[in-house]
């Protein structure tokens, strides 16, 4: 997959929340995390600068969730429950965008997704982010 510098449309499942985003690093920046929340959420996440995210509709339907350090802000649609994006704890100048919410993109488009160690978060340890493993999708022949 190649980098995409164009604006991409996105929405939650019920389409009450709609947005457009310009991805930083395109589709090659896909990742997951091992922290308790990401582990349960299970989303493949892409990156965007805060200024490269535009909410088009549904602000009144967005709910915010924070936990542990209360630094990361996770948003989801209060109607359908789908996580759309979050402001990163490791770099608050970036949003993590749920790849499954982007038009024409599926989490199954990514054959190999690095999984970062969020249990031992770099903001807690002062270390560089560490890859804990890889998530692979191998389609049936």
C-alpha atoms as a PDB file:
ATOM      1  CA  UNK A   1       0.000   0.000   0.000  1.00  0.00           C
ATOM      2  CA  UNK A   2       1.229   3.467  -0.773  1.00  0.00           C
ATOM      3  CA  UNK A   3       1.121   6.767   1.081  1.00  0.00           C
ATOM      4  CA  UNK A   4      -2.012   8.817   0.542  1.00  0.00           C
ATOM      5  CA  UNK A   5      -1.783  12.601   0.767  1.00  0.00           C
ATOM      6  CA  UNK A   6      -5.376  13.117  -0.361  1.00  0.00           C
ATOM      7  CA  UNK A   7      -8.370  13.702   1.851  1.00  0.00           C
ATOM      8  CA  UNK A   8     -10.320  10.533   2.676  1.00  0.00           C
ATOM      9  CA  UNK A   9     -13.906  10.389   3.900  1.00  0.00           C
ATOM     10  CA  UNK A  10     -14.809   8.456   7.027  1.00  0.00           C
ATOM     11  CA  UNK A  11     -17.852   7.649   9.120  1.00  0.00           C
ATOM     12  CA  UNK A  12     -19.084   5.503  11.960  1.00  0.00           C
ATOM     13  CA  UNK A  13     -21.355   2.533  11.249  1.00  0.00           C
ATOM     14  CA  UNK A  14     -24.643   4.483  11.420  1.00  0.00           C
ATOM     15  CA  UNK A  15     -23.081   7.469   9.588  1.00  0.00           C
ATOM     16  CA  UNK A  16     -24.222   9.965  12.220  1.00  0.00           C
ATOM     17  CA  UNK A  17     -20.535  10.848  12.714  1.00  0.00           C
ATOM     18  CA  UNK A  18     -18.804  11.788   9.468  1.00  0.00           C
ATOM     19  CA  UNK A  19     -15.342  13.215   8.905  1.00  0.00           C
ATOM     20  CA  UNK A  20     -12.561  13.679   6.396  1.00  0.00           C
ATOM     21  CA  UNK A  21      -8.909  13.113   7.089  1.00  0.00           C
ATOM     22  CA  UNK A  22      -5.529  13.357   5.418  1.00  0.00           C
ATOM     23  CA  UNK A  23      -3.407  10.469   6.613  1.00  0.00           C
ATOM     24  CA  UNK A  24       0.147  10.955   7.828  1.00  0.00           C
ATOM     25  CA  UNK A  25       2.231   8.146   6.380  1.00  0.00           C
ATOM     26  CA  UNK A  26      -0.731   6.871   4.399  1.00  0.00           C
ATOM     27  CA  UNK A  27      -1.765   3.275   4.777  1.00  0.00           C
ATOM     28  CA  UNK A  28       1.785   2.150   5.513  1.00  0.00           C
ATOM     29  CA  UNK A  29       1.521   3.661   9.026  1.00  0.00           C
ATOM     30  CA  UNK A  30      -1.096   1.111  10.182  1.00  0.00           C
ATOM     31  CA  UNK A  31      -0.643  -0.132  13.736  1.00  0.00           C
ATOM     32  CA  UNK A  32      -2.264  -1.700  16.759  1.00  0.00           C
ATOM     33  CA  UNK A  33      -1.483  -1.541  20.467  1.00  0.00           C
ATOM     34  CA  UNK A  34      -1.438  -3.952  23.431  1.00  0.00           C
ATOM     35  CA  UNK A  35      -2.849  -1.585  26.075  1.00  0.00           C
ATOM     36  CA  UNK A  36      -6.013  -2.813  27.800  1.00  0.00           C
ATOM     37  CA  UNK A  37      -8.326  -0.529  25.832  1.00  0.00           C
ATOM     38  CA  UNK A  38      -6.822  -1.120  22.385  1.00  0.00           C
ATOM     39  CA  UNK A  39      -6.634  -4.845  23.049  1.00  0.00           C
ATOM     40  CA  UNK A  40     -10.393  -4.947  23.617  1.00  0.00           C
ATOM     41  CA  UNK A  41     -11.214  -2.453  20.860  1.00  0.00           C
ATOM     42  CA  UNK A  42      -9.217  -4.388  18.257  1.00  0.00           C
ATOM     43  CA  UNK A  43      -8.971  -1.613  15.666  1.00  0.00           C
ATOM     44  CA  UNK A  44      -6.266  -1.112  13.063  1.00  0.00           C
ATOM     45  CA  UNK A  45      -5.270   2.536  13.451  1.00  0.00           C
ATOM     46  CA  UNK A  46      -3.793   5.037  10.995  1.00  0.00           C
ATOM     47  CA  UNK A  47      -2.250   8.421  11.827  1.00  0.00           C
ATOM     48  CA  UNK A  48      -3.224  12.023  11.098  1.00  0.00           C
ATOM     49  CA  UNK A  49      -2.150  15.423  12.364  1.00  0.00           C
ATOM     50  CA  UNK A  50      -4.837  17.216  14.390  1.00  0.00           C
ATOM     51  CA  UNK A  51      -5.102  19.883  11.662  1.00  0.00           C
ATOM     52  CA  UNK A  52      -5.675  17.160   9.039  1.00  0.00           C
ATOM     53  CA  UNK A  53      -8.908  15.907  10.621  1.00  0.00           C
ATOM     54  CA  UNK A  54     -12.197  17.650   9.861  1.00  0.00           C
ATOM     55  CA  UNK A  55     -15.429  16.641  11.552  1.00  0.00           C
ATOM     56  CA  UNK A  56     -18.190  17.050   8.951  1.00  0.00           C
ATOM     57  CA  UNK A  57     -21.217  15.950  10.991  1.00  0.00           C
ATOM     58  CA  UNK A  58     -22.225  14.371  14.261  1.00  0.00           C
ATOM     59  CA  UNK A  59     -20.243  16.243  16.888  1.00  0.00           C
ATOM     60  CA  UNK A  60     -23.285  15.954  19.166  1.00  0.00           C
ATOM     61  CA  UNK A  61     -23.143  12.153  18.803  1.00  0.00           C
ATOM     62  CA  UNK A  62     -19.465  11.789  19.763  1.00  0.00           C
ATOM     63  CA  UNK A  63     -18.712  10.498  23.246  1.00  0.00           C
ATOM     64  CA  UNK A  64     -15.252  10.708  24.771  1.00  0.00           C
ATOM     65  CA  UNK A  65     -13.550   8.074  26.892  1.00  0.00           C
ATOM     66  CA  UNK A  66     -10.342   8.429  28.919  1.00  0.00           C
ATOM     67  CA  UNK A  67      -8.639   6.004  31.284  1.00  0.00           C
ATOM     68  CA  UNK A  68      -5.394   5.409  33.247  1.00  0.00           C
ATOM     69  CA  UNK A  69      -3.361   8.627  32.758  1.00  0.00           C
ATOM     70  CA  UNK A  70      -6.444  10.425  31.343  1.00  0.00           C
ATOM     71  CA  UNK A  71      -4.167  11.768  28.567  1.00  0.00           C
ATOM     72  CA  UNK A  72      -5.484   9.984  25.483  1.00  0.00           C
ATOM     73  CA  UNK A  73      -8.931  11.016  24.312  1.00  0.00           C
ATOM     74  CA  UNK A  74     -10.895   8.250  22.594  1.00  0.00           C
ATOM     75  CA  UNK A  75     -14.045   9.181  20.649  1.00  0.00           C
ATOM     76  CA  UNK A  76     -16.854   6.905  19.592  1.00  0.00           C
ATOM     77  CA  UNK A  77     -20.361   7.334  18.226  1.00  0.00           C
ATOM     78  CA  UNK A  78     -22.953   7.324  21.004  1.00  0.00           C
ATOM     79  CA  UNK A  79     -25.542   5.881  18.578  1.00  0.00           C
ATOM     80  CA  UNK A  80     -23.767   2.837  17.072  1.00  0.00           C
ATOM     81  CA  UNK A  81     -20.802   2.550  19.482  1.00  0.00           C
ATOM     82  CA  UNK A  82     -18.076   2.563  16.838  1.00  0.00           C
ATOM     83  CA  UNK A  83     -14.695   4.036  17.805  1.00  0.00           C
ATOM     84  CA  UNK A  84     -13.781   6.633  15.167  1.00  0.00           C
ATOM     85  CA  UNK A  85     -10.556   8.263  16.380  1.00  0.00           C
ATOM     86  CA  UNK A  86      -8.424   9.203  19.367  1.00  0.00           C
ATOM     87  CA  UNK A  87      -5.860  11.821  20.333  1.00  0.00           C
ATOM     88  CA  UNK A  88      -2.666   9.970  21.115  1.00  0.00           C
ATOM     89  CA  UNK A  89      -1.070   9.885  24.520  1.00  0.00           C
ATOM     90  CA  UNK A  90       2.363   9.241  23.017  1.00  0.00           C
ATOM     91  CA  UNK A  91       2.034  12.239  20.669  1.00  0.00           C
ATOM     92  CA  UNK A  92      -0.915  14.568  21.412  1.00  0.00           C
ATOM     93  CA  UNK A  93      -0.332  16.369  18.090  1.00  0.00           C
ATOM     94  CA  UNK A  94      -1.669  13.260  16.315  1.00  0.00           C
ATOM     95  CA  UNK A  95      -4.961  11.466  15.991  1.00  0.00           C
ATOM     96  CA  UNK A  96      -5.220   7.728  15.603  1.00  0.00           C
ATOM     97  CA  UNK A  97      -7.942   7.010  13.030  1.00  0.00           C
ATOM     98  CA  UNK A  98      -9.928   3.761  12.912  1.00  0.00           C
ATOM     99  CA  UNK A  99      -9.046   2.350   9.477  1.00  0.00           C
ATOM    100  CA  UNK A 100     -12.382   0.517   9.303  1.00  0.00           C
ATOM    101  CA  UNK A 101     -14.207   3.871   9.360  1.00  0.00           C
ATOM    102  CA  UNK A 102     -12.464   5.099   6.203  1.00  0.00           C
ATOM    103  CA  UNK A 103     -14.249   4.861   2.880  1.00  0.00           C
ATOM    104  CA  UNK A 104     -12.899   2.021   0.766  1.00  0.00           C
ATOM    105  CA  UNK A 105     -10.584   0.677   3.489  1.00  0.00           C
ATOM    106  CA  UNK A 106     -10.976  -2.495   5.525  1.00  0.00           C
ATOM    107  CA  UNK A 107      -8.795  -3.771   8.371  1.00  0.00           C
ATOM    108  CA  UNK A 108      -8.453  -6.908   6.251  1.00  0.00           C
ATOM    109  CA  UNK A 109      -6.603  -4.904   3.571  1.00  0.00           C
ATOM    110  CA  UNK A 110      -3.509  -4.985   5.807  1.00  0.00           C
ATOM    111  CA  UNK A 111      -1.593  -8.231   5.575  1.00  0.00           C
ATOM    112  CA  UNK A 112       0.828  -7.323   8.371  1.00  0.00           C
ATOM    113  CA  UNK A 113       0.183  -4.775  11.126  1.00  0.00           C
ATOM    114  CA  UNK A 114       2.831  -3.992  13.750  1.00  0.00           C
ATOM    115  CA  UNK A 115       1.485  -4.142  17.302  1.00  0.00           C
ATOM    116  CA  UNK A 116       3.079  -1.670  19.702  1.00  0.00           C
ATOM    117  CA  UNK A 117       3.670  -2.384  23.381  1.00  0.00           C
ATOM    118  CA  UNK A 118       1.107  -0.140  25.061  1.00  0.00           C
ATOM    119  CA  UNK A 119       1.232  -2.065  28.330  1.00  0.00           C
ATOM    120  CA  UNK A 120       4.750  -0.665  28.822  1.00  0.00           C
ATOM    121  CA  UNK A 121       3.850   2.719  27.352  1.00  0.00           C
ATOM    122  CA  UNK A 122       6.794   4.938  26.307  1.00  0.00           C
ATOM    123  CA  UNK A 123       5.228   7.862  28.196  1.00  0.00           C
ATOM    124  CA  UNK A 124       5.581   5.838  31.418  1.00  0.00           C
ATOM    125  CA  UNK A 125       9.026   4.380  30.805  1.00  0.00           C
ATOM    126  CA  UNK A 126      10.702   7.153  28.817  1.00  0.00           C
ATOM    127  CA  UNK A 127      11.801   4.507  26.304  1.00  0.00           C
ATOM    128  CA  UNK A 128      11.177   4.527  22.575  1.00  0.00           C
ATOM    129  CA  UNK A 129       7.999   2.752  21.407  1.00  0.00           C
ATOM    130  CA  UNK A 130       8.593  -0.986  21.144  1.00  0.00           C
ATOM    131  CA  UNK A 131       6.928  -3.424  18.786  1.00  0.00           C
ATOM    132  CA  UNK A 132       5.405  -6.292  20.760  1.00  0.00           C
ATOM    133  CA  UNK A 133       4.549  -8.353  17.695  1.00  0.00           C
ATOM    134  CA  UNK A 134       2.649  -8.398  14.414  1.00  0.00           C
ATOM    135  CA  UNK A 135      -0.940  -9.096  13.514  1.00  0.00           C
ATOM    136  CA  UNK A 136      -1.281 -10.877  10.187  1.00  0.00           C
ATOM    137  CA  UNK A 137      -4.249 -11.488   7.932  1.00  0.00           C
ATOM    138  CA  UNK A 138      -3.716 -14.224   5.390  1.00  0.00           C
ATOM    139  CA  UNK A 139      -6.726 -14.590   3.082  1.00  0.00           C
ATOM    140  CA  UNK A 140      -7.875 -18.071   2.220  1.00  0.00           C
ATOM    141  CA  UNK A 141      -6.834 -19.094  -1.282  1.00  0.00           C
END
